[in-house]
Amino acid sequence: MSYAVDLFLKARKELFETREWYEEKQPGLGKRFEDEVFRKIYLIQNNPLHYPSKNGFREIRIDVFPYLLVYKVVKSSNMIFIVTTFHMSRHPKRKY
């Protein structure tokens, strides 16, 4: 079964801002972050129920970077909604 992926505006904004922040710190690092995020999105798309569920949301850690992708699966419409690109040092209650 194929799932479509949609990034909420908040997640898109966080992704863009984080990519820019890393790029300012070291050229090419922002692109590497973005590539890792999209690699994880591909994994989610191919096996969305594989990752742990908490409060109706699922999470996958971004390798090398201290971020999680928080997402929701809507089976009835074959959709995956990426809710946030969450920095793991932030308070966990702010994920949702």
PDB file of N, CA and C in Angstrom:
ATOM      1  N   MET A   1       0.848  -1.189   0.000  1.00  0.00           N
ATOM      2  CA  MET A   1       0.000   0.000   0.000  1.00  0.00           C
ATOM      3  C   MET A   1       0.887   1.244   0.000  1.00  0.00           C
ATOM      4  N   SER A   2       0.588   2.163  -0.871  1.00  0.00           N
ATOM      5  CA  SER A   2       1.377   3.376  -1.016  1.00  0.00           C
ATOM      6  C   SER A   2       0.747   4.531  -0.234  1.00  0.00           C
ATOM      7  N   TYR A   3       1.572   5.249   0.490  1.00  0.00           N
ATOM      8  CA  TYR A   3       1.121   6.400   1.267  1.00  0.00           C
ATOM      9  C   TYR A   3       1.688   7.680   0.675  1.00  0.00           C
ATOM     10  N   ALA A   4       0.867   8.705   0.652  1.00  0.00           N
ATOM     11  CA  ALA A   4       1.336  10.038   0.266  1.00  0.00           C
ATOM     12  C   ALA A   4       1.802  10.751   1.534  1.00  0.00           C
ATOM     13  N   VAL A   5       2.759  11.654   1.386  1.00  0.00           N
ATOM     14  CA  VAL A   5       3.309  12.379   2.527  1.00  0.00           C
ATOM     15  C   VAL A   5       3.034  13.859   2.358  1.00  0.00           C
ATOM     16  N   ASP A   6       2.610  14.482   3.450  1.00  0.00           N
ATOM     17  CA  ASP A   6       2.390  15.926   3.462  1.00  0.00           C
ATOM     18  C   ASP A   6       3.091  16.494   4.686  1.00  0.00           C
ATOM     19  N   LEU A   7       3.846  17.561   4.500  1.00  0.00           N
ATOM     20  CA  LEU A   7       4.491  18.247   5.616  1.00  0.00           C
ATOM     21  C   LEU A   7       3.628  19.429   6.023  1.00  0.00           C
ATOM     22  N   PHE A   8       3.239  19.454   7.294  1.00  0.00           N
ATOM     23  CA  PHE A   8       2.505  20.608   7.807  1.00  0.00           C
ATOM     24  C   PHE A   8       3.383  21.849   7.639  1.00  0.00           C
ATOM     25  N   LEU A   9       2.760  22.990   7.567  1.00  0.00           N
ATOM     26  CA  LEU A   9       3.484  24.249   7.413  1.00  0.00           C
ATOM     27  C   LEU A   9       4.554  24.401   8.501  1.00  0.00           C
ATOM     28  N   LYS A  10       4.205  24.059   9.731  1.00  0.00           N
ATOM     29  CA  LYS A  10       5.162  24.151  10.840  1.00  0.00           C
ATOM     30  C   LYS A  10       6.396  23.295  10.557  1.00  0.00           C
ATOM     31  N   ALA A  11       6.200  22.073  10.094  1.00  0.00           N
ATOM     32  CA  ALA A  11       7.313  21.171   9.808  1.00  0.00           C
ATOM     33  C   ALA A  11       8.169  21.708   8.665  1.00  0.00           C
ATOM     34  N   ARG A  12       7.532  22.257   7.628  1.00  0.00           N
ATOM     35  CA  ARG A  12       8.286  22.834   6.502  1.00  0.00           C
ATOM     36  C   ARG A  12       9.139  23.999   6.963  1.00  0.00           C
ATOM     37  N   LYS A  13       8.534  24.857   7.803  1.00  0.00           N
ATOM     38  CA  LYS A  13       9.243  26.025   8.315  1.00  0.00           C
ATOM     39  C   LYS A  13      10.434  25.591   9.176  1.00  0.00           C
ATOM     40  N   GLU A  14      10.217  24.621  10.052  1.00  0.00           N
ATOM     41  CA  GLU A  14      11.301  24.131  10.906  1.00  0.00           C
ATOM     42  C   GLU A  14      12.417  23.501  10.073  1.00  0.00           C
ATOM     43  N   LEU A  15      12.033  22.748   9.074  1.00  0.00           N
ATOM     44  CA  LEU A  15      13.018  22.114   8.196  1.00  0.00           C
ATOM     45  C   LEU A  15      13.865  23.170   7.489  1.00  0.00           C
ATOM     46  N   PHE A  16      13.213  24.179   6.929  1.00  0.00           N
ATOM     47  CA  PHE A  16      13.925  25.248   6.225  1.00  0.00           C
ATOM     48  C   PHE A  16      14.846  26.014   7.175  1.00  0.00           C
ATOM     49  N   GLU A  17      14.337  26.394   8.346  1.00  0.00           N
ATOM     50  CA  GLU A  17      15.135  27.169   9.298  1.00  0.00           C
ATOM     51  C   GLU A  17      16.330  26.365   9.818  1.00  0.00           C
ATOM     52  N   THR A  18      16.109  25.090  10.072  1.00  0.00           N
ATOM     53  CA  THR A  18      17.193  24.244  10.571  1.00  0.00           C
ATOM     54  C   THR A  18      18.245  24.029   9.484  1.00  0.00           C
ATOM     55  N   ARG A  19      17.776  23.819   8.271  1.00  0.00           N
ATOM     56  CA  ARG A  19      18.717  23.658   7.149  1.00  0.00           C
ATOM     57  C   ARG A  19      19.581  24.901   7.024  1.00  0.00           C
ATOM     58  N   GLU A  20      18.978  26.071   7.083  1.00  0.00           N
ATOM     59  CA  GLU A  20      19.725  27.331   6.970  1.00  0.00           C
ATOM     60  C   GLU A  20      20.699  27.498   8.132  1.00  0.00           C
ATOM     61  N   TRP A  21      20.277  27.154   9.344  1.00  0.00           N
ATOM     62  CA  TRP A  21      21.133  27.279  10.522  1.00  0.00           C
ATOM     63  C   TRP A  21      22.383  26.414  10.365  1.00  0.00           C
ATOM     64  N   TYR A  22      22.177  25.154   9.986  1.00  0.00           N
ATOM     65  CA  TYR A  22      23.323  24.258   9.782  1.00  0.00           C
ATOM     66  C   TYR A  22      24.213  24.743   8.640  1.00  0.00           C
ATOM     67  N   GLU A  23      23.626  25.263   7.601  1.00  0.00           N
ATOM     68  CA  GLU A  23      24.405  25.748   6.457  1.00  0.00           C
ATOM     69  C   GLU A  23      25.286  26.926   6.851  1.00  0.00           C
ATOM     70  N   GLU A  24      24.773  27.785   7.742  1.00  0.00           N
ATOM     71  CA  GLU A  24      25.576  28.910   8.231  1.00  0.00           C
ATOM     72  C   GLU A  24      26.752  28.434   9.073  1.00  0.00           C
ATOM     73  N   LYS A  25      26.544  27.354   9.822  1.00  0.00           N
ATOM     74  CA  LYS A  25      27.596  26.815  10.686  1.00  0.00           C
ATOM     75  C   LYS A  25      28.708  26.164   9.870  1.00  0.00           C
ATOM     76  N   GLN A  26      28.314  25.458   8.819  1.00  0.00           N
ATOM     77  CA  GLN A  26      29.302  24.785   7.964  1.00  0.00           C
ATOM     78  C   GLN A  26      28.677  24.546   6.591  1.00  0.00           C
ATOM     79  N   PRO A  27      29.259  25.116   5.544  1.00  0.00           N
ATOM     80  CA  PRO A  27      28.707  24.898   4.202  1.00  0.00           C
ATOM     81  C   PRO A  27      28.574  23.403   3.888  1.00  0.00           C
ATOM     82  N   GLY A  28      27.411  23.041   3.383  1.00  0.00           N
ATOM     83  CA  GLY A  28      27.128  21.651   3.040  1.00  0.00           C
ATOM     84  C   GLY A  28      26.419  20.878   4.139  1.00  0.00           C
ATOM     85  N   LEU A  29      26.529  21.355   5.385  1.00  0.00           N
ATOM     86  CA  LEU A  29      25.901  20.653   6.497  1.00  0.00           C
ATOM     87  C   LEU A  29      24.378  20.772   6.450  1.00  0.00           C
ATOM     88  N   GLY A  30      23.888  21.907   6.006  1.00  0.00           N
ATOM     89  CA  GLY A  30      22.443  22.094   5.863  1.00  0.00           C
ATOM     90  C   GLY A  30      21.863  21.136   4.836  1.00  0.00           C
ATOM     91  N   LYS A  31      22.568  20.967   3.743  1.00  0.00           N
ATOM     92  CA  LYS A  31      22.144  20.023   2.704  1.00  0.00           C
ATOM     93  C   LYS A  31      22.167  18.594   3.243  1.00  0.00           C
ATOM     94  N   ARG A  32      23.177  18.284   4.029  1.00  0.00           N
ATOM     95  CA  ARG A  32      23.265  16.948   4.630  1.00  0.00           C
ATOM     96  C   ARG A  32      22.083  16.695   5.567  1.00  0.00           C
ATOM     97  N   PHE A  33      21.732  17.712   6.372  1.00  0.00           N
ATOM     98  CA  PHE A  33      20.572  17.598   7.250  1.00  0.00           C
ATOM     99  C   PHE A  33      19.308  17.337   6.433  1.00  0.00           C
ATOM    100  N   GLU A  34      19.105  18.137   5.405  1.00  0.00           N
ATOM    101  CA  GLU A  34      17.925  17.987   4.557  1.00  0.00           C
ATOM    102  C   GLU A  34      17.876  16.598   3.909  1.00  0.00           C
ATOM    103  N   ASP A  35      19.013  16.122   3.438  1.00  0.00           N
ATOM    104  CA  ASP A  35      19.069  14.793   2.830  1.00  0.00           C
ATOM    105  C   ASP A  35      18.676  13.711   3.835  1.00  0.00           C
ATOM    106  N   GLU A  36      19.151  13.842   5.066  1.00  0.00           N
ATOM    107  CA  GLU A  36      18.806  12.866   6.110  1.00  0.00           C
ATOM    108  C   GLU A  36      17.313  12.888   6.411  1.00  0.00           C
ATOM    109  N   VAL A  37      16.737  14.084   6.470  1.00  0.00           N
ATOM    110  CA  VAL A  37      15.297  14.207   6.720  1.00  0.00           C
ATOM    111  C   VAL A  37      14.508  13.508   5.614  1.00  0.00           C
ATOM    112  N   PHE A  38      14.873  13.759   4.373  1.00  0.00           N
ATOM    113  CA  PHE A  38      14.132  13.149   3.266  1.00  0.00           C
ATOM    114  C   PHE A  38      14.378  11.649   3.158  1.00  0.00           C
ATOM    115  N   ARG A  39      15.532  11.202   3.596  1.00  0.00           N
ATOM    116  CA  ARG A  39      15.783   9.759   3.655  1.00  0.00           C
ATOM    117  C   ARG A  39      14.850   9.106   4.678  1.00  0.00           C
ATOM    118  N   LYS A  40      14.659   9.778   5.802  1.00  0.00           N
ATOM    119  CA  LYS A  40      13.748   9.250   6.828  1.00  0.00           C
ATOM    120  C   LYS A  40      12.295   9.303   6.354  1.00  0.00           C
ATOM    121  N   ILE A  41      11.951  10.346   5.640  1.00  0.00           N
ATOM    122  CA  ILE A  41      10.588  10.433   5.095  1.00  0.00           C
ATOM    123  C   ILE A  41      10.339   9.272   4.136  1.00  0.00           C
ATOM    124  N   TYR A  42      11.329   8.932   3.346  1.00  0.00           N
ATOM    125  CA  TYR A  42      11.213   7.788   2.437  1.00  0.00           C
ATOM    126  C   TYR A  42      10.982   6.495   3.223  1.00  0.00           C
ATOM    127  N   LEU A  43      11.723   6.314   4.325  1.00  0.00           N
ATOM    128  CA  LEU A  43      11.535   5.130   5.167  1.00  0.00           C
ATOM    129  C   LEU A  43      10.131   5.095   5.769  1.00  0.00           C
ATOM    130  N   ILE A  44       9.669   6.238   6.237  1.00  0.00           N
ATOM    131  CA  ILE A  44       8.321   6.330   6.803  1.00  0.00           C
ATOM    132  C   ILE A  44       7.288   5.966   5.741  1.00  0.00           C
ATOM    133  N   GLN A  45       7.456   6.509   4.568  1.00  0.00           N
ATOM    134  CA  GLN A  45       6.505   6.286   3.479  1.00  0.00           C
ATOM    135  C   GLN A  45       6.399   4.800   3.126  1.00  0.00           C
ATOM    136  N   ASN A  46       7.500   4.089   3.211  1.00  0.00           N
ATOM    137  CA  ASN A  46       7.510   2.674   2.857  1.00  0.00           C
ATOM    138  C   ASN A  46       7.069   1.748   3.979  1.00  0.00           C
ATOM    139  N   ASN A  47       7.132   2.215   5.216  1.00  0.00           N
ATOM    140  CA  ASN A  47       6.720   1.392   6.342  1.00  0.00           C
ATOM    141  C   ASN A  47       6.258   2.289   7.499  1.00  0.00           C
ATOM    142  N   PRO A  48       5.152   2.985   7.334  1.00  0.00           N
ATOM    143  CA  PRO A  48       4.744   4.013   8.285  1.00  0.00           C
ATOM    144  C   PRO A  48       4.404   3.509   9.686  1.00  0.00           C
ATOM    145  N   LEU A  49       4.020   2.259   9.826  1.00  0.00           N
ATOM    146  CA  LEU A  49       3.611   1.757  11.135  1.00  0.00           C
ATOM    147  C   LEU A  49       4.768   1.111  11.899  1.00  0.00           C
ATOM    148  N   HIS A  50       5.931   1.110  11.314  1.00  0.00           N
ATOM    149  CA  HIS A  50       7.093   0.474  11.927  1.00  0.00           C
ATOM    150  C   HIS A  50       7.586   1.218  13.175  1.00  0.00           C
ATOM    151  N   TYR A  51       7.448   2.508  13.196  1.00  0.00           N
ATOM    152  CA  TYR A  51       8.035   3.329  14.251  1.00  0.00           C
ATOM    153  C   TYR A  51       7.068   3.495  15.417  1.00  0.00           C
ATOM    154  N   PRO A  52       7.597   3.703  16.637  1.00  0.00           N
ATOM    155  CA  PRO A  52       6.761   3.726  17.843  1.00  0.00           C
ATOM    156  C   PRO A  52       5.674   4.797  17.810  1.00  0.00           C
ATOM    157  N   SER A  53       4.549   4.440  18.397  1.00  0.00           N
ATOM    158  CA  SER A  53       3.407   5.350  18.491  1.00  0.00           C
ATOM    159  C   SER A  53       3.300   5.876  19.922  1.00  0.00           C
ATOM    160  N   LYS A  54       3.121   7.200  20.040  1.00  0.00           N
ATOM    161  CA  LYS A  54       2.935   7.864  21.329  1.00  0.00           C
ATOM    162  C   LYS A  54       1.841   8.901  21.160  1.00  0.00           C
ATOM    163  N   ASN A  55       0.775   8.760  21.902  1.00  0.00           N
ATOM    164  CA  ASN A  55      -0.337   9.717  21.844  1.00  0.00           C
ATOM    165  C   ASN A  55      -0.903   9.873  20.437  1.00  0.00           C
ATOM    166  N   GLY A  56      -0.911   8.803  19.663  1.00  0.00           N
ATOM    167  CA  GLY A  56      -1.456   8.851  18.312  1.00  0.00           C
ATOM    168  C   GLY A  56      -0.483   9.349  17.252  1.00  0.00           C
ATOM    169  N   PHE A  57       0.719   9.706  17.666  1.00  0.00           N
ATOM    170  CA  PHE A  57       1.750  10.175  16.749  1.00  0.00           C
ATOM    171  C   PHE A  57       2.893   9.168  16.746  1.00  0.00           C
ATOM    172  N   ARG A  58       3.663   9.179  15.692  1.00  0.00           N
ATOM    173  CA  ARG A  58       4.835   8.316  15.595  1.00  0.00           C
ATOM    174  C   ARG A  58       6.069   9.186  15.437  1.00  0.00           C
ATOM    175  N   GLU A  59       7.215   8.627  15.813  1.00  0.00           N
ATOM    176  CA  GLU A  59       8.457   9.392  15.777  1.00  0.00           C
ATOM    177  C   GLU A  59       9.563   8.561  15.156  1.00  0.00           C
ATOM    178  N   ILE A  60      10.448   9.254  14.443  1.00  0.00           N
ATOM    179  CA  ILE A  60      11.653   8.634  13.911  1.00  0.00           C
ATOM    180  C   ILE A  60      12.791   9.625  14.119  1.00  0.00           C
ATOM    181  N   ARG A  61      13.905   9.123  14.593  1.00  0.00           N
ATOM    182  CA  ARG A  61      15.067   9.967  14.867  1.00  0.00           C
ATOM    183  C   ARG A  61      15.868  10.173  13.586  1.00  0.00           C
ATOM    184  N   ILE A  62      16.358  11.401  13.421  1.00  0.00           N
ATOM    185  CA  ILE A  62      17.224  11.734  12.292  1.00  0.00           C
ATOM    186  C   ILE A  62      18.649  11.344  12.678  1.00  0.00           C
ATOM    187  N   ASP A  63      19.278  10.494  11.887  1.00  0.00           N
ATOM    188  CA  ASP A  63      20.650  10.073  12.179  1.00  0.00           C
ATOM    189  C   ASP A  63      21.587  11.271  12.181  1.00  0.00           C
ATOM    190  N   VAL A  64      22.539  11.264  13.093  1.00  0.00           N
ATOM    191  CA  VAL A  64      23.615  12.244  13.224  1.00  0.00           C
ATOM    192  C   VAL A  64      23.136  13.571  13.831  1.00  0.00           C
ATOM    193  N   PHE A  65      21.922  13.969  13.577  1.00  0.00           N
ATOM    194  CA  PHE A  65      21.394  15.244  14.048  1.00  0.00           C
ATOM    195  C   PHE A  65      20.412  15.004  15.205  1.00  0.00           C
ATOM    196  N   PRO A  66      20.360  15.932  16.163  1.00  0.00           N
ATOM    197  CA  PRO A  66      19.485  15.729  17.338  1.00  0.00           C
ATOM    198  C   PRO A  66      18.026  16.134  17.071  1.00  0.00           C
ATOM    199  N   TYR A  67      17.430  15.517  16.066  1.00  0.00           N
ATOM    200  CA  TYR A  67      16.061  15.854  15.665  1.00  0.00           C
ATOM    201  C   TYR A  67      15.228  14.602  15.510  1.00  0.00           C
ATOM    202  N   LEU A  68      13.928  14.791  15.698  1.00  0.00           N
ATOM    203  CA  LEU A  68      12.933  13.763  15.433  1.00  0.00           C
ATOM    204  C   LEU A  68      11.982  14.283  14.373  1.00  0.00           C
ATOM    205  N   LEU A  69      11.463  13.375  13.566  1.00  0.00           N
ATOM    206  CA  LEU A  69      10.299  13.696  12.742  1.00  0.00           C
ATOM    207  C   LEU A  69       9.113  13.103  13.479  1.00  0.00           C
ATOM    208  N   VAL A  70       8.133  13.928  13.746  1.00  0.00           N
ATOM    209  CA  VAL A  70       6.906  13.478  14.396  1.00  0.00           C
ATOM    210  C   VAL A  70       5.827  13.473  13.319  1.00  0.00           C
ATOM    211  N   TYR A  71       5.133  12.336  13.188  1.00  0.00           N
ATOM    212  CA  TYR A  71       4.158  12.211  12.116  1.00  0.00           C
ATOM    213  C   TYR A  71       2.936  11.429  12.554  1.00  0.00           C
ATOM    214  N   LYS A  72       1.896  11.565  11.762  1.00  0.00           N
ATOM    215  CA  LYS A  72       0.630  10.884  12.008  1.00  0.00           C
ATOM    216  C   LYS A  72       0.247  10.139  10.732  1.00  0.00           C
ATOM    217  N   VAL A  73      -0.235   8.920  10.917  1.00  0.00           N
ATOM    218  CA  VAL A  73      -0.669   8.096   9.786  1.00  0.00           C
ATOM    219  C   VAL A  73      -2.190   8.081   9.772  1.00  0.00           C
ATOM    220  N   VAL A  74      -2.767   8.382   8.623  1.00  0.00           N
ATOM    221  CA  VAL A  74      -4.219   8.283   8.439  1.00  0.00           C
ATOM    222  C   VAL A  74      -4.448   7.185   7.409  1.00  0.00           C
ATOM    223  N   LYS A  75      -4.717   5.992   7.909  1.00  0.00           N
ATOM    224  CA  LYS A  75      -4.849   4.817   7.041  1.00  0.00           C
ATOM    225  C   LYS A  75      -5.992   4.953   6.041  1.00  0.00           C
ATOM    226  N   SER A  76      -7.106   5.552   6.484  1.00  0.00           N
ATOM    227  CA  SER A  76      -8.287   5.633   5.623  1.00  0.00           C
ATOM    228  C   SER A  76      -8.038   6.405   4.338  1.00  0.00           C
ATOM    229  N   SER A  77      -7.100   7.342   4.375  1.00  0.00           N
ATOM    230  CA  SER A  77      -6.801   8.125   3.168  1.00  0.00           C
ATOM    231  C   SER A  77      -5.384   7.873   2.651  1.00  0.00           C
ATOM    232  N   ASN A  78      -4.702   6.879   3.236  1.00  0.00           N
ATOM    233  CA  ASN A  78      -3.327   6.559   2.830  1.00  0.00           C
ATOM    234  C   ASN A  78      -2.424   7.787   2.863  1.00  0.00           C
ATOM    235  N   MET A  79      -2.530   8.539   3.965  1.00  0.00           N
ATOM    236  CA  MET A  79      -1.744   9.768   4.117  1.00  0.00           C
ATOM    237  C   MET A  79      -0.841   9.684   5.341  1.00  0.00           C
ATOM    238  N   ILE A  80       0.307  10.296   5.211  1.00  0.00           N
ATOM    239  CA  ILE A  80       1.228  10.501   6.322  1.00  0.00           C
ATOM    240  C   ILE A  80       1.420  12.004   6.442  1.00  0.00           C
ATOM    241  N   PHE A  81       1.179  12.523   7.633  1.00  0.00           N
ATOM    242  CA  PHE A  81       1.346  13.949   7.884  1.00  0.00           C
ATOM    243  C   PHE A  81       2.542  14.148   8.799  1.00  0.00           C
ATOM    244  N   ILE A  82       3.564  14.824   8.294  1.00  0.00           N
ATOM    245  CA  ILE A  82       4.722  15.181   9.111  1.00  0.00           C
ATOM    246  C   ILE A  82       4.314  16.430   9.883  1.00  0.00           C
ATOM    247  N   VAL A  83       4.259  16.307  11.187  1.00  0.00           N
ATOM    248  CA  VAL A  83       3.750  17.379  12.041  1.00  0.00           C
ATOM    249  C   VAL A  83       4.844  18.359  12.420  1.00  0.00           C
ATOM    250  N   THR A  84       6.022  17.836  12.767  1.00  0.00           N
ATOM    251  CA  THR A  84       7.098  18.710  13.216  1.00  0.00           C
ATOM    252  C   THR A  84       8.458  18.069  12.989  1.00  0.00           C
ATOM    253  N   THR A  85       9.443  18.931  12.818  1.00  0.00           N
ATOM    254  CA  THR A  85      10.848  18.554  12.847  1.00  0.00           C
ATOM    255  C   THR A  85      11.324  19.038  14.203  1.00  0.00           C
ATOM    256  N   PHE A  86      11.435  18.131  15.148  1.00  0.00           N
ATOM    257  CA  PHE A  86      11.545  18.491  16.554  1.00  0.00           C
ATOM    258  C   PHE A  86      12.963  18.313  17.086  1.00  0.00           C
ATOM    259  N   HIS A  87      13.542  19.399  17.616  1.00  0.00           N
ATOM    260  CA  HIS A  87      14.863  19.306  18.244  1.00  0.00           C
ATOM    261  C   HIS A  87      14.709  18.614  19.584  1.00  0.00           C
ATOM    262  N   MET A  88      15.518  17.602  19.831  1.00  0.00           N
ATOM    263  CA  MET A  88      15.344  16.748  20.997  1.00  0.00           C
ATOM    264  C   MET A  88      15.691  17.424  22.325  1.00  0.00           C
ATOM    265  N   SER A  89      16.270  18.603  22.308  1.00  0.00           N
ATOM    266  CA  SER A  89      16.549  19.300  23.569  1.00  0.00           C
ATOM    267  C   SER A  89      15.347  20.124  24.039  1.00  0.00           C
ATOM    268  N   ARG A  90      14.355  20.282  23.168  1.00  0.00           N
ATOM    269  CA  ARG A  90      13.162  21.036  23.553  1.00  0.00           C
ATOM    270  C   ARG A  90      12.288  20.188  24.457  1.00  0.00           C
ATOM    271  N   HIS A  91      11.408  20.839  25.183  1.00  0.00           N
ATOM    272  CA  HIS A  91      10.514  20.138  26.107  1.00  0.00           C
ATOM    273  C   HIS A  91       9.593  19.201  25.329  1.00  0.00           C
ATOM    274  N   PRO A  92       9.513  17.931  25.742  1.00  0.00           N
ATOM    275  CA  PRO A  92       8.722  16.944  25.000  1.00  0.00           C
ATOM    276  C   PRO A  92       7.251  17.314  24.795  1.00  0.00           C
ATOM    277  N   LYS A  93       6.674  18.084  25.686  1.00  0.00           N
ATOM    278  CA  LYS A  93       5.261  18.465  25.535  1.00  0.00           C
ATOM    279  C   LYS A  93       5.040  19.389  24.336  1.00  0.00           C
ATOM    280  N   ARG A  94       6.113  19.965  23.826  1.00  0.00           N
ATOM    281  CA  ARG A  94       5.975  20.872  22.671  1.00  0.00           C
ATOM    282  C   ARG A  94       5.985  20.132  21.334  1.00  0.00           C
ATOM    283  N   LYS A  95       6.140  18.827  21.367  1.00  0.00           N
ATOM    284  CA  LYS A  95       6.167  18.053  20.131  1.00  0.00           C
ATOM    285  C   LYS A  95       4.836  18.104  19.409  1.00  0.00           C
ATOM    286  N   TYR A  96       3.767  18.045  20.152  1.00  0.00           N
ATOM    287  CA  TYR A  96       2.445  17.897  19.544  1.00  0.00           C
ATOM    288  C   TYR A  96       1.722  19.207  19.623  1.00  0.00           C
TER     289      TYR A  96
END
